[in-house]
Amino acid sequence: MKMTKSKTKELQARAMELVQIRPMSDGANELISQAIEQHGFPNRVKAFQFLQDTDQLIGVDIGGESLNDKEVIAALIREFGCHRDTARYHVAKAARRKRHPDWQPPPHGGKRPGAGRKPDYVLDVVNSRAIVSRKVDGQFGLLEYSAAVNWHELEGRAVAAVAEQGGAINISGQYHCPAELAETAVWDNDED
């Protein structure tokens, strides 16, 4: 039987009502509060992750496990006539939501690295040289960018700009070209 959206919402709401999570111990709560105070974390989740990453929660009762999974799964199957896997999915989702009530899913859309139009100016790093380059209209692939006439003069500043971006001249690739370098560059077809 395929479930409708409204039935799925009812199933999830019922799972949220029934699932019981063992609460975090006072010791763990105290450590999280101290981490927020000392390091200025924006929320408890970030502080908890920091404490886990630095092994400060070893031997501390952090709680969080579900206490009644099997009973809730059986109840959901009885009440909604759903498949066991569907009930297990909703119980796990309800447990996650109860463990982390302030968590929000990431928003859809936004900027992704590498998406969108290619930049007009780049710093091409090839063979341990940093070259100020400009996009050539109608060209694709290896010939998509051409070097500035005075790239040799600008190379020192280009190397510094690559280093500021976390790269190095021994790591081939294309890097963001700062506006001052693009303005200083001289191109073959410039009228100036």
Protein backbone atom coordinates (compact mmCIF):
# COMPACT_ATOMS: atom_id res chain seq x y z
CA MET A 1 0.00 0.00 0.00
CA LYS A 2 1.41 3.37 -1.05
CA MET A 3 1.12 6.04 1.64
CA THR A 4 -0.14 9.53 0.88
CA LYS A 5 1.66 12.64 2.10
CA SER A 6 -0.92 13.22 4.82
CA LYS A 7 -0.64 9.60 6.05
CA THR A 8 3.15 9.91 6.05
CA LYS A 9 2.92 13.08 8.15
CA GLU A 10 0.55 11.34 10.56
CA LEU A 11 2.95 8.39 10.78
CA GLN A 12 5.90 10.69 11.53
CA ALA A 13 3.93 12.66 14.13
CA ARG A 14 2.87 9.44 15.86
CA ALA A 15 6.47 8.17 15.85
CA MET A 16 7.55 11.46 17.47
CA GLU A 17 4.92 10.94 20.20
CA LEU A 18 5.93 7.35 20.94
CA VAL A 19 9.73 7.34 20.68
CA GLN A 20 11.52 7.79 24.00
CA ILE A 21 15.15 8.89 24.13
CA ARG A 22 17.35 8.38 27.18
CA PRO A 23 18.40 11.88 28.26
CA MET A 24 21.99 13.09 28.35
CA SER A 25 23.69 12.87 31.74
CA ASP A 26 24.32 15.94 33.87
CA GLY A 27 28.10 15.44 33.41
CA ALA A 28 27.81 15.58 29.63
CA ASN A 29 25.53 18.63 29.80
CA GLU A 30 28.02 20.38 32.07
CA LEU A 31 30.94 19.64 29.69
CA ILE A 32 28.95 21.02 26.74
CA SER A 33 28.06 24.19 28.67
CA GLN A 34 31.72 24.68 29.63
CA ALA A 35 32.82 24.22 26.00
CA ILE A 36 30.29 26.83 24.83
CA GLU A 37 31.49 29.27 27.48
CA GLN A 38 35.22 28.70 26.86
CA HIS A 39 35.22 28.48 23.06
CA GLY A 40 32.12 30.49 22.10
CA PHE A 41 30.38 27.79 20.04
CA PRO A 42 27.10 29.03 18.48
CA ASN A 43 25.09 26.02 19.69
CA ARG A 44 25.22 22.79 21.68
CA VAL A 45 25.63 20.61 18.58
CA LYS A 46 28.93 22.33 17.63
CA ALA A 47 30.19 22.11 21.21
CA PHE A 48 29.24 18.41 21.42
CA GLN A 49 31.03 17.70 18.12
CA PHE A 50 34.16 19.49 19.40
CA LEU A 51 34.12 17.45 22.62
CA GLN A 52 33.75 14.22 20.63
CA ASP A 53 36.54 15.16 18.21
CA THR A 54 38.91 15.98 21.08
CA ASP A 55 38.00 12.75 22.96
CA GLN A 56 36.76 14.67 26.01
CA LEU A 57 33.56 12.61 26.20
CA ILE A 58 35.29 9.25 26.66
CA GLY A 59 33.79 7.58 29.72
CA VAL A 60 30.99 10.17 29.99
CA ASP A 61 27.37 8.98 29.72
CA ILE A 62 26.03 10.93 26.75
CA GLY A 63 22.67 9.15 26.52
CA GLY A 64 20.69 9.67 23.34
CA GLU A 65 19.75 6.08 22.51
CA SER A 66 16.17 5.14 21.85
CA LEU A 67 14.56 3.17 24.68
CA ASN A 68 11.60 1.59 22.89
CA ASP A 69 12.35 1.02 19.18
CA LYS A 70 10.75 -2.42 18.87
CA GLU A 71 7.53 -1.44 20.64
CA VAL A 72 7.12 1.73 18.55
CA ILE A 73 7.78 -0.12 15.28
CA ALA A 74 5.14 -2.73 16.20
CA ALA A 75 2.66 0.00 17.17
CA LEU A 76 3.16 1.89 13.89
CA ILE A 77 2.67 -1.29 11.86
CA ARG A 78 -0.57 -2.03 13.74
CA GLU A 79 -1.95 1.51 13.55
CA PHE A 80 -0.98 2.42 9.98
CA GLY A 81 -0.61 -0.94 8.26
CA CYS A 82 2.75 0.11 6.89
CA HIS A 83 5.73 -2.07 6.02
CA ARG A 84 8.28 -2.83 8.73
CA ASP A 85 11.01 -0.90 6.87
CA THR A 86 8.77 2.19 6.66
CA ALA A 87 8.07 2.02 10.40
CA ARG A 88 11.81 1.58 11.17
CA TYR A 89 12.67 4.58 8.97
CA HIS A 90 10.19 6.82 10.79
CA VAL A 91 11.29 5.62 14.22
CA ALA A 92 14.93 6.39 13.36
CA LYS A 93 13.94 9.81 12.00
CA ALA A 94 11.92 10.59 15.13
CA ALA A 95 14.85 9.54 17.33
CA ARG A 96 17.23 11.84 15.40
CA ARG A 97 14.80 14.73 15.73
CA LYS A 98 14.41 14.17 19.46
CA ARG A 99 18.18 13.88 19.96
CA HIS A 100 18.87 17.08 18.02
CA PRO A 101 15.75 19.27 18.24
CA ASP A 102 17.57 22.46 17.13
CA TRP A 103 19.07 20.92 13.96
CA GLN A 104 17.82 22.41 10.71
CA PRO A 105 18.33 20.81 7.28
CA PRO A 106 20.56 22.78 4.91
CA PRO A 107 18.64 25.16 2.65
CA HIS A 108 18.09 24.25 -0.98
CA GLY A 109 19.86 26.18 -3.67
CA GLY A 110 22.61 28.63 -3.05
CA LYS A 111 26.10 28.81 -4.44
CA ARG A 112 28.05 25.65 -5.17
CA PRO A 113 31.80 25.69 -5.83
CA GLY A 114 32.43 25.27 -9.53
CA ALA A 115 28.90 26.21 -10.57
CA GLY A 116 28.06 29.13 -12.80
CA ARG A 117 29.91 31.13 -15.40
CA LYS A 118 33.67 30.87 -15.62
CA PRO A 119 35.58 34.00 -14.55
CA ASP A 120 36.96 36.42 -17.14
CA TYR A 121 40.41 36.54 -15.48
CA VAL A 122 42.33 33.74 -13.73
CA LEU A 123 45.78 32.95 -12.44
CA ASP A 124 46.92 29.90 -14.41
CA VAL A 125 49.48 27.89 -12.47
CA VAL A 126 51.37 25.59 -14.85
CA ASN A 127 54.89 24.15 -14.63
CA SER A 128 55.57 26.12 -11.43
CA ARG A 129 54.71 29.43 -13.11
CA ALA A 130 51.84 31.75 -12.15
CA ILE A 131 50.40 33.39 -15.26
CA VAL A 132 47.77 36.15 -15.36
CA SER A 133 45.28 35.01 -18.04
CA ARG A 134 42.11 36.31 -19.66
CA LYS A 135 39.19 34.34 -21.13
CA VAL A 136 39.10 34.29 -24.93
CA ASP A 137 35.61 34.48 -26.42
CA GLY A 138 34.71 31.45 -28.52
CA GLN A 139 37.60 29.31 -27.24
CA PHE A 140 37.18 26.19 -25.14
CA GLY A 141 39.41 23.65 -23.43
CA LEU A 142 43.15 24.33 -23.21
CA LEU A 143 42.92 27.50 -25.32
CA GLU A 144 40.07 29.03 -23.32
CA TYR A 145 42.42 31.50 -21.57
CA SER A 146 45.36 33.43 -23.01
CA ALA A 147 48.31 34.86 -21.10
CA ALA A 148 48.85 38.58 -20.61
CA VAL A 149 51.72 40.09 -22.62
CA ASN A 150 53.40 41.25 -19.39
CA TRP A 151 52.72 38.12 -17.31
CA HIS A 152 56.45 37.80 -16.49
CA GLU A 153 56.40 41.21 -14.77
CA LEU A 154 53.27 40.27 -12.80
CA GLU A 155 54.41 36.78 -11.82
CA GLY A 156 55.69 37.70 -8.34
CA ARG A 157 52.37 39.30 -7.40
CA ALA A 158 50.49 36.39 -8.98
CA VAL A 159 52.47 33.88 -6.89
CA ALA A 160 51.61 35.86 -3.74
CA ALA A 161 47.91 35.91 -4.73
CA VAL A 162 47.93 32.14 -5.27
CA ALA A 163 49.55 31.61 -1.86
CA GLU A 164 46.91 33.82 -0.20
CA GLN A 165 44.25 31.48 -1.63
CA GLY A 166 45.92 28.44 -0.09
CA GLY A 167 47.60 27.25 -3.27
CA ALA A 168 51.20 27.02 -4.33
CA ILE A 169 53.02 27.30 -7.65
CA ASN A 170 53.80 23.59 -7.53
CA ILE A 171 50.04 22.82 -7.54
CA SER A 172 48.79 23.26 -11.10
CA GLY A 173 45.35 24.76 -11.54
CA GLN A 174 43.40 27.97 -11.96
CA TYR A 175 43.01 30.45 -9.15
CA HIS A 176 41.02 33.64 -8.65
CA CYS A 177 42.73 36.65 -10.21
CA PRO A 178 42.62 39.78 -8.01
CA ALA A 179 41.18 42.86 -9.73
CA GLU A 180 44.43 44.87 -9.39
CA LEU A 181 46.36 42.21 -11.33
CA ALA A 182 43.73 42.05 -14.08
CA GLU A 183 43.81 45.86 -14.41
CA THR A 184 47.63 45.95 -14.57
CA ALA A 185 47.86 43.23 -17.22
CA VAL A 186 48.47 44.17 -20.87
CA TRP A 187 46.69 42.11 -23.52
CA ASP A 188 47.52 41.49 -27.22
CA ASN A 189 44.44 43.27 -28.58
CA ASP A 190 44.42 46.24 -26.15
CA GLU A 191 44.06 49.53 -27.97
CA ASP A 192 46.06 51.44 -25.29
